[in-house]
Each structure stands twice: as structure tokens, then as C-alpha cells.
Amino acid sequence: MTNQQGSNAAVLPVNSYRYYRTIHGEIKRIYFKACLSTFGITKSRLERIQKNLTPTGMASQDRGGKHQNRPKAFECH
């Protein structure tokens, strides 16, 4: 008899997140949609933030404007 644990095992998320907010000086756990509403962001934006936090636990550097697709563009100083 072979062990098929790998194929039958449930797929669990690698990371899970809980969302908290300070309300009247008390830290309370809030729902996912309340977190989105509080910060005024979309689900995809929050997922990108979580993806960037996942490997190291710290936010990655801002890479805005770092395109290398215009090799003949001049530099302004």
C-alpha cells in the first residue's frame, strides 16, 4: 500500500494575516473588508503589500521609476 498523503493533503495558505485597529485606546481585531475600508485600498493592493512583506517581514524598497526599457533616454541633473 502506498502513502498518498501529498495528493490528499489539504492545501493550506503559506501565510495568514489578522487585522487589528485601535479603537478608543483599545486594540481590536477587525474583519478583512473593514481593513480595506479603513485604509481605502483594494484587495489587490493589500495582496501586493502582503506579497512584498512575506519573504523578509519588512517592506521592500520602492522601485518606482526604475525602468530600463529606454536605453537612449538622456539623464537630467
C-alpha atoms as a PDB file:
ATOM      1  CA  MET A   1       0.000   0.000   0.000  1.00  0.00           C
ATOM      2  CA  THR A   2       1.406   3.412  -0.953  1.00  0.00           C
ATOM      3  CA  ASN A   3       1.221   6.614   1.030  1.00  0.00           C
ATOM      4  CA  GLN A   4      -0.722   9.261  -0.911  1.00  0.00           C
ATOM      5  CA  GLN A   5      -0.635  11.913   1.768  1.00  0.00           C
ATOM      6  CA  GLY A   6       0.791  14.505  -0.638  1.00  0.00           C
ATOM      7  CA  SER A   7      -2.088  14.218  -3.099  1.00  0.00           C
ATOM      8  CA  ASN A   8      -4.818  14.075  -0.442  1.00  0.00           C
ATOM      9  CA  ALA A   9      -3.455  16.700   1.928  1.00  0.00           C
ATOM     10  CA  ALA A  10      -5.370  19.957   2.133  1.00  0.00           C
ATOM     11  CA  VAL A  11      -3.653  22.951   0.613  1.00  0.00           C
ATOM     12  CA  LEU A  12      -3.104  25.475   3.386  1.00  0.00           C
ATOM     13  CA  PRO A  13      -2.096  29.077   2.835  1.00  0.00           C
ATOM     14  CA  VAL A  14       1.577  29.771   3.407  1.00  0.00           C
ATOM     15  CA  ASN A  15       0.804  32.909   5.381  1.00  0.00           C
ATOM     16  CA  SER A  16      -2.305  34.100   7.107  1.00  0.00           C
ATOM     17  CA  TYR A  17      -2.976  37.591   8.332  1.00  0.00           C
ATOM     18  CA  ARG A  18      -5.037  39.150  11.066  1.00  0.00           C
ATOM     19  CA  TYR A  19      -6.061  42.768  11.024  1.00  0.00           C
ATOM     20  CA  TYR A  20      -6.179  44.996  14.082  1.00  0.00           C
ATOM     21  CA  ARG A  21      -7.178  48.579  14.754  1.00  0.00           C
ATOM     22  CA  THR A  22      -7.003  50.773  17.817  1.00  0.00           C
ATOM     23  CA  ILE A  23     -10.499  51.905  18.773  1.00  0.00           C
ATOM     24  CA  HIS A  24     -10.857  54.222  21.790  1.00  0.00           C
ATOM     25  CA  GLY A  25      -7.392  53.239  23.017  1.00  0.00           C
ATOM     26  CA  GLU A  26      -8.151  49.520  22.805  1.00  0.00           C
ATOM     27  CA  ILE A  27      -6.680  47.193  20.166  1.00  0.00           C
ATOM     28  CA  LYS A  28      -9.474  45.279  18.432  1.00  0.00           C
ATOM     29  CA  ARG A  29      -9.371  42.663  15.724  1.00  0.00           C
ATOM     30  CA  ILE A  30     -11.264  43.739  12.612  1.00  0.00           C
ATOM     31  CA  TYR A  31     -12.539  41.973   9.512  1.00  0.00           C
ATOM     32  CA  PHE A  32     -10.704  41.938   6.196  1.00  0.00           C
ATOM     33  CA  LYS A  33     -13.215  44.219   4.484  1.00  0.00           C
ATOM     34  CA  ALA A  34     -13.073  46.651   7.392  1.00  0.00           C
ATOM     35  CA  CYS A  35      -9.300  46.822   6.907  1.00  0.00           C
ATOM     36  CA  LEU A  36      -9.745  47.611   3.206  1.00  0.00           C
ATOM     37  CA  SER A  37     -12.316  50.273   4.015  1.00  0.00           C
ATOM     38  CA  THR A  38     -10.209  51.832   6.773  1.00  0.00           C
ATOM     39  CA  PHE A  39      -7.188  52.333   4.523  1.00  0.00           C
ATOM     40  CA  GLY A  40      -9.201  52.987   1.361  1.00  0.00           C
ATOM     41  CA  ILE A  41      -7.355  50.375  -0.691  1.00  0.00           C
ATOM     42  CA  THR A  42      -8.380  47.499  -2.928  1.00  0.00           C
ATOM     43  CA  LYS A  43      -7.957  43.802  -2.276  1.00  0.00           C
ATOM     44  CA  SER A  44      -5.270  43.531  -4.964  1.00  0.00           C
ATOM     45  CA  ARG A  45      -3.262  46.375  -3.391  1.00  0.00           C
ATOM     46  CA  LEU A  46      -3.367  44.659   0.005  1.00  0.00           C
ATOM     47  CA  GLU A  47      -2.312  41.365  -1.609  1.00  0.00           C
ATOM     48  CA  ARG A  48       0.693  43.106  -3.231  1.00  0.00           C
ATOM     49  CA  ILE A  49       1.683  44.575   0.124  1.00  0.00           C
ATOM     50  CA  GLN A  50       1.405  41.161   1.784  1.00  0.00           C
ATOM     51  CA  LYS A  51       3.408  39.543  -1.029  1.00  0.00           C
ATOM     52  CA  ASN A  52       6.224  42.052  -0.547  1.00  0.00           C
ATOM     53  CA  LEU A  53       6.226  41.524   3.228  1.00  0.00           C
ATOM     54  CA  THR A  54       6.202  37.750   3.041  1.00  0.00           C
ATOM     55  CA  PRO A  55       9.868  36.847   2.321  1.00  0.00           C
ATOM     56  CA  THR A  56      11.557  39.078   4.889  1.00  0.00           C
ATOM     57  CA  GLY A  57       8.849  40.513   7.108  1.00  0.00           C
ATOM     58  CA  MET A  58       9.899  44.012   6.045  1.00  0.00           C
ATOM     59  CA  ALA A  59       8.667  46.148   3.171  1.00  0.00           C
ATOM     60  CA  SER A  60      10.763  46.122   0.023  1.00  0.00           C
ATOM     61  CA  GLN A  61      12.291  49.267  -1.453  1.00  0.00           C
ATOM     62  CA  ASP A  62      10.199  51.458  -3.703  1.00  0.00           C
ATOM     63  CA  ARG A  63      11.158  50.622  -7.266  1.00  0.00           C
ATOM     64  CA  GLY A  64       9.041  53.299  -8.938  1.00  0.00           C
ATOM     65  CA  GLY A  65      10.684  54.906 -11.963  1.00  0.00           C
ATOM     66  CA  LYS A  66      13.400  52.265 -12.263  1.00  0.00           C
ATOM     67  CA  HIS A  67      12.615  51.281 -15.842  1.00  0.00           C
ATOM     68  CA  GLN A  68      15.490  50.078 -18.010  1.00  0.00           C
ATOM     69  CA  ASN A  69      13.423  49.952 -21.193  1.00  0.00           C
ATOM     70  CA  ARG A  70      14.721  53.252 -22.693  1.00  0.00           C
ATOM     71  CA  PRO A  71      18.460  52.820 -23.182  1.00  0.00           C
ATOM     72  CA  LYS A  72      18.897  56.029 -25.235  1.00  0.00           C
ATOM     73  CA  ALA A  73      16.994  58.339 -22.891  1.00  0.00           C
ATOM     74  CA  PHE A  74      19.068  61.235 -21.541  1.00  0.00           C
ATOM     75  CA  GLU A  75      19.556  61.952 -17.862  1.00  0.00           C
ATOM     76  CA  CYS A  76      18.520  65.219 -16.267  1.00  0.00           C
ATOM     77  CA  HIS A  77      20.725  66.553 -13.481  1.00  0.00           C
END
